[in-house]
Amino acid sequence: MLQTAPPPAIVQPAPADADRRLAGIVALLSGKGDYAATFGERFRSEVPKARFDALAAQIAAGLGKPKGVERIDRANALEATATIGYERGRIGVALTLMPGGTRQVAGFSITGSAPRQDSFAAIVAEAAKLPGTVGFGVYALEDPAPRALAEHRGEAAAPIGSAFKLWVLAELAAQVAEGKHRWEDVAPLAPASLPSGITQGWPAGTPMTLQSLATLMISISDNSAT
């Protein structure tokens, strides 16, 4: 009786493969490592090493030098997410390994970043070092007046752009609460203002509820709705 040979088994990456590739990525983020050995050919064609190095330099400028992998969460044999620690923060990454003998990285992305031990005091200190004229304020909205949580030149006058729309919304909400208006009240759309937004292309006088106008004003900074 003749039998055909079974197809060769696909070698699946072991958990240690993800650890090894992440260590290689940390080395590359440090300006070392072997790019061609770590990443698969298709990834390298889409993300040349020069582009990867530029991203690594950008991260290092904000967070310092990479220190190593702090955490790995494996979704399956091919996929994992991890946290890579830096001197002043950490980044989240996701990677996918290639099945087969090479076990190179087929997909890699940075999913987020965060500073270490951040605080309002640290933010104020960093803001004070920035060039030019810089100011900001973080306030808790309390009665009878906002309470400052952190400030750097918080009282200095500065252009605010579309942030004034928050004051418009606050006044509208106050008048609704006082019964002077209702969210379902209808108002005609004013003549068009320049973008941003969408209602600048609508006919002037189009009936709109106050809720619709307020939603467009805040969600997409619609100038005509404002």
Protein backbone atom coordinates (compact mmCIF):
# COMPACT_ATOMS: atom_id res chain seq x y z
CA MET A 1 0.00 0.00 0.00
CA LEU A 2 1.41 3.36 -1.07
CA GLN A 3 1.16 6.37 1.18
CA THR A 4 2.03 9.97 0.47
CA ALA A 5 4.32 11.74 2.85
CA PRO A 6 2.58 14.19 5.21
CA PRO A 7 3.11 17.86 4.42
CA PRO A 8 5.93 19.51 6.33
CA ALA A 9 4.79 21.08 9.57
CA ILE A 10 4.87 24.84 9.87
CA VAL A 11 7.18 25.78 12.69
CA GLN A 12 5.33 28.16 14.96
CA PRO A 13 7.23 30.77 16.95
CA ALA A 14 7.79 29.93 20.59
CA PRO A 15 7.29 32.48 23.36
CA ALA A 16 11.07 32.94 23.53
CA ASP A 17 11.05 34.14 19.92
CA ALA A 18 8.96 37.20 20.82
CA ASP A 19 11.33 37.95 23.69
CA ARG A 20 14.33 37.66 21.40
CA ARG A 21 12.84 39.88 18.71
CA LEU A 22 11.80 42.49 21.25
CA ALA A 23 15.35 42.54 22.58
CA GLY A 24 16.52 43.11 19.01
CA ILE A 25 14.06 45.98 18.60
CA VAL A 26 15.32 47.59 21.82
CA ALA A 27 18.85 47.35 20.43
CA LEU A 28 17.73 49.02 17.19
CA LEU A 29 15.98 51.77 19.14
CA SER A 30 19.35 52.31 20.86
CA GLY A 31 21.11 52.74 17.53
CA LYS A 32 22.55 49.22 17.50
CA GLY A 33 21.22 45.84 16.39
CA ASP A 34 20.69 44.17 13.02
CA TYR A 35 17.75 45.60 11.10
CA ALA A 36 17.79 42.98 8.33
CA ALA A 37 17.92 40.09 10.78
CA THR A 38 15.15 41.46 12.99
CA PHE A 39 12.53 42.51 10.44
CA GLY A 40 11.16 40.59 7.48
CA GLU A 41 11.81 41.65 3.91
CA ARG A 42 8.34 43.08 3.31
CA PHE A 43 8.49 45.19 6.47
CA ARG A 44 11.92 46.50 5.50
CA SER A 45 10.64 47.48 2.06
CA GLU A 46 7.78 49.46 3.58
CA VAL A 47 9.78 50.90 6.48
CA PRO A 48 13.40 51.50 5.44
CA LYS A 49 15.96 51.59 8.23
CA ALA A 50 16.45 55.34 7.80
CA ARG A 51 12.78 55.88 8.58
CA PHE A 52 12.95 53.61 11.62
CA ASP A 53 16.07 55.41 12.86
CA ALA A 54 14.35 58.78 12.50
CA LEU A 55 11.44 57.54 14.61
CA ALA A 56 13.84 56.12 17.21
CA ALA A 57 15.61 59.49 17.42
CA GLN A 58 12.30 61.30 17.84
CA ILE A 59 11.32 59.04 20.74
CA ALA A 60 14.74 59.38 22.37
CA ALA A 61 14.51 63.17 22.17
CA GLY A 62 11.46 63.06 24.41
CA LEU A 63 12.05 60.03 26.63
CA GLY A 64 15.81 59.50 26.71
CA LYS A 65 17.59 56.21 26.07
CA PRO A 66 15.70 52.89 25.91
CA LYS A 67 16.38 50.68 28.93
CA GLY A 68 14.68 47.39 28.03
CA VAL A 69 11.42 45.47 27.86
CA GLU A 70 9.30 45.95 30.97
CA ARG A 71 6.32 43.79 30.07
CA ILE A 72 5.18 41.34 27.38
CA ASP A 73 1.61 40.19 26.78
CA ARG A 74 1.28 37.40 24.21
CA ALA A 75 -2.01 37.17 22.33
CA ASN A 76 -0.96 33.93 20.61
CA ALA A 77 2.14 32.31 19.14
CA LEU A 78 2.47 35.00 16.49
CA GLU A 79 1.30 38.22 18.15
CA ALA A 80 2.31 40.11 21.26
CA THR A 81 2.17 43.54 22.81
CA ALA A 82 4.87 44.93 25.07
CA THR A 83 6.03 47.91 27.08
CA ILE A 84 9.55 49.20 26.44
CA GLY A 85 11.04 51.32 29.19
CA TYR A 86 13.02 54.51 28.60
CA GLU A 87 14.94 56.77 30.96
CA ARG A 88 12.08 59.24 31.21
CA GLY A 89 9.09 57.22 30.08
CA ARG A 90 7.85 54.17 28.27
CA ILE A 91 6.28 53.22 24.95
CA GLY A 92 3.74 50.55 24.05
CA VAL A 93 4.43 48.38 21.02
CA ALA A 94 2.70 45.61 19.10
CA LEU A 95 4.46 43.05 16.94
CA THR A 96 3.62 40.11 14.73
CA LEU A 97 6.13 37.35 14.00
CA MET A 98 6.49 35.42 10.78
CA PRO A 99 5.72 31.70 11.00
CA GLY A 100 8.48 29.46 9.76
CA GLY A 101 12.15 29.18 10.44
CA THR A 102 13.23 32.81 10.33
CA ARG A 103 10.86 34.07 13.02
CA GLN A 104 11.47 37.61 11.86
CA VAL A 105 9.14 40.46 12.72
CA ALA A 106 6.44 40.83 10.07
CA GLY A 107 4.60 43.73 11.68
CA PHE A 108 5.58 46.31 14.27
CA SER A 109 3.84 49.43 15.53
CA ILE A 110 4.14 51.88 18.41
CA THR A 111 0.80 52.10 20.18
CA GLY A 112 1.47 54.91 22.63
CA SER A 113 3.93 56.65 24.93
CA ALA A 114 3.90 58.11 28.43
CA PRO A 115 6.40 59.97 30.61
CA ARG A 116 7.57 58.58 33.94
CA GLN A 117 6.55 60.17 37.21
CA ASP A 118 4.87 63.07 35.47
CA SER A 119 3.49 65.87 37.61
CA PHE A 120 2.21 69.39 37.25
CA ALA A 121 5.48 70.65 38.72
CA ALA A 122 7.47 68.78 36.08
CA ILE A 123 5.23 70.10 33.30
CA VAL A 124 5.62 73.68 34.56
CA ALA A 125 9.40 73.24 34.69
CA GLU A 126 9.49 71.89 31.13
CA ALA A 127 7.25 74.69 29.87
CA ALA A 128 9.56 77.28 31.41
CA LYS A 129 12.46 75.88 29.35
CA LEU A 130 10.67 76.22 26.01
CA PRO A 131 11.78 78.98 23.65
CA GLY A 132 9.53 81.89 22.80
CA THR A 133 6.56 83.06 24.81
CA VAL A 134 4.87 80.13 26.51
CA GLY A 135 2.01 80.07 28.97
CA PHE A 136 -0.68 77.67 30.11
CA GLY A 137 -3.10 77.09 32.92
CA VAL A 138 -4.99 74.08 34.26
CA TYR A 139 -7.98 74.92 36.43
CA ALA A 140 -10.66 73.12 38.39
CA LEU A 141 -14.04 74.72 37.69
CA GLU A 142 -15.34 75.54 41.14
CA ASP A 143 -17.73 78.01 42.71
CA PRO A 144 -17.32 80.99 42.92
CA ALA A 145 -14.19 80.95 40.73
CA PRO A 146 -11.88 78.46 39.01
CA ARG A 147 -9.05 77.08 41.15
CA ALA A 148 -5.59 76.92 39.58
CA LEU A 149 -4.04 73.45 39.57
CA ALA A 150 -0.96 74.44 37.58
CA GLU A 151 0.14 77.62 35.83
CA HIS A 152 3.02 79.06 33.90
CA ARG A 153 2.32 82.67 32.98
CA GLY A 154 -1.32 81.70 33.29
CA GLU A 155 -2.51 85.30 33.61
CA ALA A 156 -0.67 86.52 30.51
CA ALA A 157 -2.88 87.47 27.58
CA ALA A 158 -2.41 85.31 24.49
CA PRO A 159 -4.32 84.41 21.32
CA ILE A 160 -6.73 81.57 21.98
CA GLY A 161 -8.12 80.78 18.52
CA SER A 162 -11.09 78.45 18.54
CA ALA A 163 -10.80 77.90 22.28
CA PHE A 164 -13.22 80.82 22.68
CA LYS A 165 -15.93 78.43 21.52
CA LEU A 166 -15.75 76.78 24.94
CA TRP A 167 -16.92 80.07 26.46
CA VAL A 168 -19.73 80.25 23.90
CA LEU A 169 -20.80 76.73 24.86
CA ALA A 170 -20.59 77.54 28.57
CA GLU A 171 -22.80 80.61 28.15
CA LEU A 172 -25.33 78.69 26.06
CA ALA A 173 -25.44 75.89 28.65
CA ALA A 174 -25.95 78.47 31.41
CA GLN A 175 -28.85 80.09 29.54
CA VAL A 176 -30.44 76.70 28.95
CA ALA A 177 -30.09 75.90 32.64
CA GLU A 178 -31.75 79.24 33.49
CA GLY A 179 -34.64 78.48 31.16
CA LYS A 180 -33.84 81.30 28.73
CA HIS A 181 -33.36 78.80 25.90
CA ARG A 182 -33.91 75.11 25.21
CA TRP A 183 -31.55 72.81 23.34
CA GLU A 184 -34.34 72.03 20.88
CA ASP A 185 -34.90 75.72 20.06
CA VAL A 186 -34.47 76.44 16.34
CA ALA A 187 -32.30 79.26 15.02
CA PRO A 188 -31.48 80.23 11.43
CA LEU A 189 -27.96 79.51 10.23
CA ALA A 190 -26.00 82.74 9.95
CA PRO A 191 -24.16 83.77 6.77
CA ALA A 192 -21.15 81.57 6.09
CA SER A 193 -17.84 82.05 7.84
CA LEU A 194 -14.62 80.63 6.46
CA PRO A 195 -13.85 76.99 7.30
CA SER A 196 -13.27 75.00 9.45
CA GLY A 197 -16.59 73.24 9.48
CA ILE A 198 -19.26 72.05 7.08
CA THR A 199 -22.14 74.50 7.40
CA GLN A 200 -20.35 77.21 5.42
CA GLY A 201 -21.61 75.36 2.34
CA TRP A 202 -25.23 75.37 3.50
CA PRO A 203 -27.77 78.09 2.62
CA ALA A 204 -27.92 80.99 5.06
CA GLY A 205 -31.10 80.79 7.11
CA THR A 206 -31.18 76.99 7.25
CA PRO A 207 -33.13 76.10 10.42
CA MET A 208 -30.91 74.43 13.04
CA THR A 209 -31.51 73.43 16.63
CA LEU A 210 -29.23 74.97 19.23
CA GLN A 211 -28.04 71.49 20.15
CA SER A 212 -27.01 70.79 16.53
CA LEU A 213 -25.19 74.12 16.27
CA ALA A 214 -23.39 73.57 19.57
CA THR A 215 -22.42 70.02 18.61
CA LEU A 216 -20.91 71.15 15.30
CA MET A 217 -19.16 74.08 16.96
CA ILE A 218 -17.36 71.85 19.46
CA SER A 219 -16.93 68.54 17.60
CA ILE A 220 -15.47 69.94 14.35
CA SER A 221 -14.91 73.61 15.28
CA ASP A 222 -17.56 74.73 12.79
CA ASN A 223 -17.18 78.51 12.47
CA SER A 224 -20.53 79.14 10.79
CA ALA A 225 -22.34 77.14 13.48
CA THR A 226 -20.64 79.29 16.09
